[in-house]
Protein backbone atom coordinates (compact mmCIF):
# COMPACT_ATOMS: atom_id res chain seq x y z
CA MET A 1 -45.99 -14.05 -14.68
CA ALA A 2 -47.11 -12.58 -17.92
CA ASP A 3 -44.93 -9.47 -17.57
CA TRP A 4 -41.78 -11.44 -16.94
CA HIS A 5 -39.35 -11.41 -19.85
CA PRO A 6 -35.64 -13.49 -20.09
CA ILE A 7 -33.74 -10.06 -20.08
CA GLU A 8 -34.73 -9.99 -16.38
CA ALA A 9 -32.33 -12.99 -15.98
CA ALA A 10 -29.48 -11.11 -17.38
CA VAL A 11 -26.91 -9.82 -15.24
CA GLU A 12 -24.53 -7.43 -16.74
CA GLY A 13 -20.63 -7.37 -16.08
CA PRO A 14 -18.15 -6.57 -17.31
CA THR A 15 -19.49 -3.73 -19.64
CA GLY A 16 -20.88 -5.28 -22.82
CA VAL A 17 -21.26 -8.56 -21.49
CA TRP A 18 -24.44 -10.24 -20.01
CA ARG A 19 -24.58 -13.45 -18.14
CA MET A 20 -27.98 -15.31 -18.05
CA VAL A 21 -28.46 -16.87 -14.51
CA ASP A 22 -31.22 -19.41 -13.39
CA PRO A 23 -32.91 -18.87 -9.99
CA ASP A 24 -30.25 -20.81 -8.26
CA GLY A 25 -27.44 -18.50 -9.57
CA ASN A 26 -25.88 -20.61 -12.36
CA GLU A 27 -24.99 -19.20 -15.64
CA TYR A 28 -26.93 -20.75 -18.49
CA GLY A 29 -25.67 -18.42 -21.21
CA ARG A 30 -23.82 -15.45 -22.38
CA ILE A 31 -24.53 -12.49 -24.31
CA GLU A 32 -21.63 -10.27 -25.61
CA LEU A 33 -21.83 -6.80 -27.52
CA ARG A 34 -19.81 -6.83 -30.56
CA ARG A 35 -18.57 -4.62 -33.48
CA VAL A 36 -19.34 -6.25 -36.79
CA MET A 37 -19.01 -5.09 -40.32
CA ASN A 38 -15.56 -3.41 -40.01
CA GLY A 39 -16.70 -1.65 -36.86
CA THR A 40 -19.96 0.07 -38.36
CA GLU A 41 -22.58 -1.83 -36.57
CA LEU A 42 -23.14 -3.54 -33.21
CA ARG A 43 -24.75 -6.94 -32.86
CA TYR A 44 -25.14 -9.29 -29.97
CA LYS A 45 -23.46 -12.61 -29.87
CA VAL A 46 -25.47 -15.18 -28.07
CA MET A 47 -23.93 -18.25 -26.53
CA ARG A 48 -24.71 -21.40 -24.78
CA HIS A 49 -22.33 -23.55 -22.99
CA GLY A 50 -19.51 -21.65 -24.78
CA ALA A 51 -20.76 -22.24 -28.27
CA VAL A 52 -22.40 -19.56 -30.38
CA ILE A 53 -25.99 -20.16 -31.21
CA GLY A 54 -26.68 -17.01 -33.09
CA TRP A 55 -26.54 -13.24 -33.36
CA ALA A 56 -29.26 -10.60 -32.47
CA VAL A 57 -29.75 -6.86 -33.24
CA THR A 58 -31.36 -6.28 -29.70
CA LEU A 59 -30.39 -7.24 -26.29
CA ARG A 60 -34.09 -8.41 -25.69
CA ASP A 61 -34.03 -10.65 -28.63
CA ALA A 62 -30.65 -11.97 -27.60
CA CYS A 63 -31.97 -13.05 -23.99
CA TYR A 64 -35.16 -14.76 -25.73
CA ARG A 65 -32.76 -16.66 -27.83
CA VAL A 66 -30.51 -17.98 -24.98
CA HIS A 67 -33.71 -18.43 -22.67
CA MET A 68 -35.56 -20.65 -25.42
CA ALA A 69 -32.31 -22.88 -25.89
CA PHE A 70 -32.55 -23.08 -22.13
CA LEU A 71 -35.72 -24.27 -22.02
CA ALA A 72 -35.50 -26.62 -24.74
CA SER A 73 -32.50 -28.36 -23.02
CA HIS A 74 -34.94 -29.54 -20.34
CA GLY A 75 -37.18 -31.69 -22.63
CA PRO A 76 -36.63 -34.42 -25.12
CA GLY A 77 -35.36 -33.48 -28.32
CA GLY A 78 -37.51 -33.16 -31.28
CA GLY A 79 -41.34 -32.74 -31.44
CA ALA A 80 -44.01 -35.35 -30.14
CA ILE A 81 -44.20 -38.43 -31.91
CA ALA A 82 -47.77 -39.85 -32.29
CA ASP A 83 -48.06 -43.64 -32.04
CA TRP A 84 -51.25 -44.89 -33.70
CA GLY A 85 -50.69 -48.31 -32.66
CA GLU A 86 -48.48 -49.60 -35.15
CA LYS A 87 -45.24 -49.63 -33.06
CA THR A 88 -47.08 -51.47 -29.98
CA GLY A 89 -49.30 -53.45 -31.93
CA ASN A 90 -52.56 -51.79 -30.56
CA GLN A 91 -53.87 -50.24 -33.74
CA ARG A 92 -57.51 -50.39 -34.29
CA SER A 93 -58.80 -53.61 -36.03
CA LYS A 94 -60.31 -53.12 -39.45
CA ARG A 95 -63.96 -53.74 -39.56
């Protein structure tokens, strides 16, 4: 699946709005094309669960941001915590 990209999960409609849809057909994010800077530039507003999680210059980047937030929601928050035995009492004995 090296050729797959999150933009393939984007379903357009209405014009200027993309819904990010999982394989079951559930929307997990939304992207809206917006004019910013007094209407002189275009940006993609990136949303997940109705909250803005960022802005992007390209649709590709916007899809990537929503998809990464979707993937992060499937695991525990934060990074892995190494337990070298201090918390469980299984630390190495000092010789």
